[in-house]
N, C-alpha and C. Protein backbone atom coordinates (compact mmCIF):
# COMPACT_ATOMS: atom_id res chain seq x y z
N MET A 1 69.07 62.33 120.76
CA MET A 1 69.85 62.17 119.56
C MET A 1 69.01 62.67 118.39
N VAL A 2 69.68 63.31 117.44
CA VAL A 2 69.02 63.86 116.28
C VAL A 2 69.70 63.34 115.03
N ALA A 3 68.92 62.95 114.06
CA ALA A 3 69.47 62.56 112.75
C ALA A 3 69.32 63.75 111.82
N THR A 4 70.36 64.04 111.06
CA THR A 4 70.34 65.17 110.16
C THR A 4 71.31 64.93 109.02
N ARG A 5 71.30 65.79 108.07
CA ARG A 5 72.31 65.74 107.01
C ARG A 5 73.64 66.17 107.60
N CYS A 6 74.67 66.10 106.81
CA CYS A 6 76.01 66.48 107.27
C CYS A 6 76.01 67.90 107.83
N LEU A 7 76.60 68.05 109.00
CA LEU A 7 76.77 69.37 109.59
C LEU A 7 78.06 69.96 109.03
N GLY A 8 78.00 70.44 107.81
CA GLY A 8 79.17 70.90 107.08
C GLY A 8 80.01 71.92 107.81
N GLY A 9 79.39 72.72 108.68
CA GLY A 9 80.15 73.70 109.44
C GLY A 9 80.94 73.08 110.58
N LEU A 10 80.64 71.83 110.92
CA LEU A 10 81.27 71.18 112.06
C LEU A 10 82.09 69.95 111.66
N LEU A 11 81.59 69.21 110.67
CA LEU A 11 82.22 67.95 110.27
C LEU A 11 82.62 67.97 108.81
N ARG A 12 83.62 67.18 108.50
CA ARG A 12 83.98 66.94 107.10
C ARG A 12 83.45 65.54 106.81
N CYS A 13 82.26 65.45 106.25
CA CYS A 13 81.65 64.15 106.03
C CYS A 13 81.14 64.01 104.60
N GLN A 14 81.22 62.81 104.13
CA GLN A 14 80.70 62.44 102.82
C GLN A 14 79.91 61.16 103.04
N SER A 15 78.69 61.12 102.55
CA SER A 15 77.83 59.96 102.81
C SER A 15 78.44 58.65 102.34
N SER A 16 79.28 58.68 101.33
CA SER A 16 79.89 57.45 100.83
C SER A 16 80.93 56.90 101.81
N ARG A 17 81.38 57.69 102.76
CA ARG A 17 82.41 57.25 103.69
C ARG A 17 81.85 56.65 104.96
N GLY A 18 80.57 56.78 105.23
CA GLY A 18 79.98 56.26 106.46
C GLY A 18 79.26 57.35 107.22
N LEU A 19 78.75 56.99 108.38
CA LEU A 19 78.02 57.94 109.22
C LEU A 19 78.98 58.72 110.11
N HIS A 20 78.56 59.90 110.53
CA HIS A 20 79.35 60.73 111.42
C HIS A 20 78.48 61.17 112.59
N ALA A 21 79.11 61.54 113.68
CA ALA A 21 78.38 62.01 114.86
C ALA A 21 79.16 63.16 115.48
N ALA A 22 78.42 64.06 116.09
CA ALA A 22 79.01 65.13 116.90
C ALA A 22 78.34 65.04 118.26
N VAL A 23 79.13 64.85 119.30
CA VAL A 23 78.58 64.70 120.66
C VAL A 23 79.25 65.72 121.58
N GLN A 24 78.50 66.12 122.60
CA GLN A 24 79.01 67.10 123.55
C GLN A 24 78.54 66.72 124.94
N PRO A 25 79.46 66.68 125.91
CA PRO A 25 79.04 66.37 127.28
C PRO A 25 78.15 67.50 127.82
N CYS A 26 77.11 67.09 128.55
CA CYS A 26 76.16 68.05 129.10
C CYS A 26 75.80 67.67 130.53
N ALA A 27 75.34 68.66 131.28
CA ALA A 27 74.82 68.43 132.63
C ALA A 27 73.41 67.87 132.52
N GLU A 28 72.83 67.47 133.63
CA GLU A 28 71.47 66.92 133.61
C GLU A 28 70.46 67.89 133.03
N ASP A 29 70.69 69.20 133.17
CA ASP A 29 69.78 70.19 132.61
C ASP A 29 70.12 70.50 131.14
N ARG A 30 70.99 69.69 130.56
CA ARG A 30 71.43 69.77 129.15
C ARG A 30 72.29 70.99 128.85
N ARG A 31 72.86 71.59 129.87
CA ARG A 31 73.80 72.70 129.69
C ARG A 31 75.15 72.09 129.29
N PRO A 32 75.76 72.55 128.20
CA PRO A 32 77.04 71.99 127.76
C PRO A 32 78.11 72.13 128.84
N THR A 33 78.90 71.08 129.03
CA THR A 33 79.97 71.10 130.02
C THR A 33 81.34 70.83 129.40
N GLY A 34 81.40 70.70 128.10
CA GLY A 34 82.66 70.42 127.44
C GLY A 34 82.57 70.70 125.96
N VAL A 35 83.65 70.43 125.27
CA VAL A 35 83.72 70.71 123.83
C VAL A 35 83.06 69.59 123.02
N VAL A 36 82.66 69.92 121.82
CA VAL A 36 82.07 68.96 120.89
C VAL A 36 83.17 68.00 120.42
N LYS A 37 82.84 66.72 120.41
CA LYS A 37 83.74 65.69 119.88
C LYS A 37 83.17 65.22 118.55
N ARG A 38 84.02 65.15 117.55
CA ARG A 38 83.62 64.71 116.21
C ARG A 38 83.99 63.24 116.05
N LEU A 39 83.05 62.42 115.59
CA LEU A 39 83.28 61.00 115.44
C LEU A 39 82.90 60.54 114.03
N GLY A 40 83.65 59.60 113.51
CA GLY A 40 83.32 59.00 112.22
C GLY A 40 84.52 58.93 111.31
N PRO A 41 84.40 58.26 110.22
CA PRO A 41 83.18 57.61 109.76
C PRO A 41 82.89 56.33 110.54
N ILE A 42 81.61 56.12 110.82
CA ILE A 42 81.14 54.93 111.52
C ILE A 42 80.62 53.99 110.44
N ARG A 43 81.37 52.93 110.19
CA ARG A 43 81.05 52.05 109.06
C ARG A 43 80.51 50.69 109.46
N THR A 44 80.87 50.21 110.63
CA THR A 44 80.50 48.85 111.01
C THR A 44 79.80 48.84 112.36
N GLU A 45 79.21 47.70 112.67
CA GLU A 45 78.58 47.54 113.97
C GLU A 45 79.63 47.64 115.08
N ALA A 46 80.83 47.13 114.82
CA ALA A 46 81.90 47.22 115.82
C ALA A 46 82.27 48.68 116.08
N ASP A 47 82.28 49.52 115.05
CA ASP A 47 82.53 50.95 115.23
C ASP A 47 81.47 51.56 116.14
N ALA A 48 80.20 51.24 115.86
CA ALA A 48 79.10 51.78 116.66
C ALA A 48 79.18 51.29 118.10
N GLU A 49 79.56 50.04 118.30
CA GLU A 49 79.69 49.50 119.65
C GLU A 49 80.83 50.18 120.41
N ALA A 50 81.93 50.47 119.72
CA ALA A 50 83.05 51.16 120.37
C ALA A 50 82.64 52.56 120.82
N ILE A 51 81.89 53.25 119.98
CA ILE A 51 81.43 54.59 120.33
C ILE A 51 80.41 54.53 121.46
N ALA A 52 79.51 53.56 121.41
CA ALA A 52 78.51 53.41 122.48
C ALA A 52 79.19 53.15 123.82
N ALA A 53 80.20 52.29 123.84
CA ALA A 53 80.92 52.00 125.09
C ALA A 53 81.61 53.25 125.60
N TRP A 54 82.18 54.04 124.70
CA TRP A 54 82.85 55.29 125.08
C TRP A 54 81.85 56.28 125.67
N LEU A 55 80.67 56.39 125.05
CA LEU A 55 79.64 57.29 125.56
C LEU A 55 79.16 56.84 126.95
N LEU A 56 78.93 55.53 127.09
CA LEU A 56 78.48 55.00 128.39
C LEU A 56 79.52 55.19 129.48
N ALA A 57 80.79 55.22 129.10
CA ALA A 57 81.87 55.42 130.07
C ALA A 57 82.03 56.89 130.44
N GLY A 58 81.23 57.77 129.83
CA GLY A 58 81.28 59.19 130.16
C GLY A 58 82.20 60.00 129.27
N MET A 59 82.49 59.50 128.07
CA MET A 59 83.34 60.21 127.10
C MET A 59 84.73 60.50 127.66
N PRO A 60 85.41 59.47 128.21
CA PRO A 60 86.74 59.72 128.78
C PRO A 60 87.72 60.25 127.74
N ASP A 61 88.64 61.07 128.19
CA ASP A 61 89.65 61.66 127.31
C ASP A 61 90.86 60.75 127.23
N ASP A 62 90.66 59.56 126.70
CA ASP A 62 91.74 58.59 126.56
C ASP A 62 91.66 57.95 125.17
N GLU A 63 92.26 56.82 125.02
CA GLU A 63 92.28 56.15 123.72
C GLU A 63 91.15 55.14 123.57
N THR A 64 90.06 55.29 124.33
CA THR A 64 88.93 54.38 124.24
C THR A 64 88.35 54.35 122.84
N VAL A 65 88.23 55.50 122.21
CA VAL A 65 87.75 55.57 120.83
C VAL A 65 88.98 55.54 119.92
N PRO A 66 89.06 54.54 119.04
CA PRO A 66 90.22 54.45 118.15
C PRO A 66 90.39 55.70 117.29
N GLY A 67 91.60 56.00 116.95
CA GLY A 67 91.89 57.16 116.11
C GLY A 67 91.13 57.15 114.80
N SER A 68 90.84 55.95 114.28
CA SER A 68 90.11 55.84 113.01
C SER A 68 88.67 56.33 113.13
N LEU A 69 88.17 56.48 114.35
CA LEU A 69 86.80 56.95 114.56
C LEU A 69 86.75 58.41 115.01
N ARG A 70 87.88 59.07 115.00
CA ARG A 70 87.91 60.49 115.34
C ARG A 70 87.85 61.27 114.03
N ALA A 71 86.73 61.94 113.80
CA ALA A 71 86.47 62.61 112.53
C ALA A 71 87.32 63.86 112.36
N ASP A 72 87.62 64.15 111.12
CA ASP A 72 88.30 65.39 110.80
C ASP A 72 87.32 66.55 110.93
N PRO A 73 87.79 67.69 111.42
CA PRO A 73 86.90 68.86 111.47
C PRO A 73 86.60 69.36 110.06
N SER A 74 85.56 70.16 109.93
CA SER A 74 85.23 70.73 108.63
C SER A 74 86.36 71.67 108.21
N PRO A 75 86.46 71.95 106.92
CA PRO A 75 87.50 72.88 106.46
C PRO A 75 87.43 74.25 107.14
N GLN A 76 86.24 74.64 107.61
CA GLN A 76 86.08 75.94 108.29
C GLN A 76 86.83 75.96 109.63
N HIS A 77 87.07 74.79 110.23
CA HIS A 77 87.69 74.70 111.54
C HIS A 77 89.16 74.32 111.48
N VAL A 78 89.73 74.31 110.29
CA VAL A 78 91.13 73.95 110.12
C VAL A 78 91.92 75.22 109.84
N ALA A 79 93.00 75.42 110.60
CA ALA A 79 93.82 76.61 110.38
C ALA A 79 94.47 76.55 109.01
N ARG A 80 94.49 77.65 108.35
CA ARG A 80 95.10 77.72 107.02
C ARG A 80 96.54 78.20 107.15
N LEU A 81 97.39 77.66 106.30
CA LEU A 81 98.77 78.13 106.26
C LEU A 81 98.88 79.37 105.41
N ASN A 82 99.74 80.29 105.78
CA ASN A 82 99.95 81.50 104.97
C ASN A 82 100.79 81.21 103.77
């Protein structure tokens, strides 16, 4: 795990809104095996515990992580309307 400033190219985050995370499933040799998942804002201990349980469960593609903890992508990753 790495702590850094906002990854503006990946996340839409503002420090006043809470912490954010970007996680990606990887093989044992750390080769990526799936897409990056954006999480946040993480504001409470309960939020952190929900994310930890989801990570320990192997990042299942279900409703384990509440919608409120699914971060918006950065503006660079949002399709623009004509």
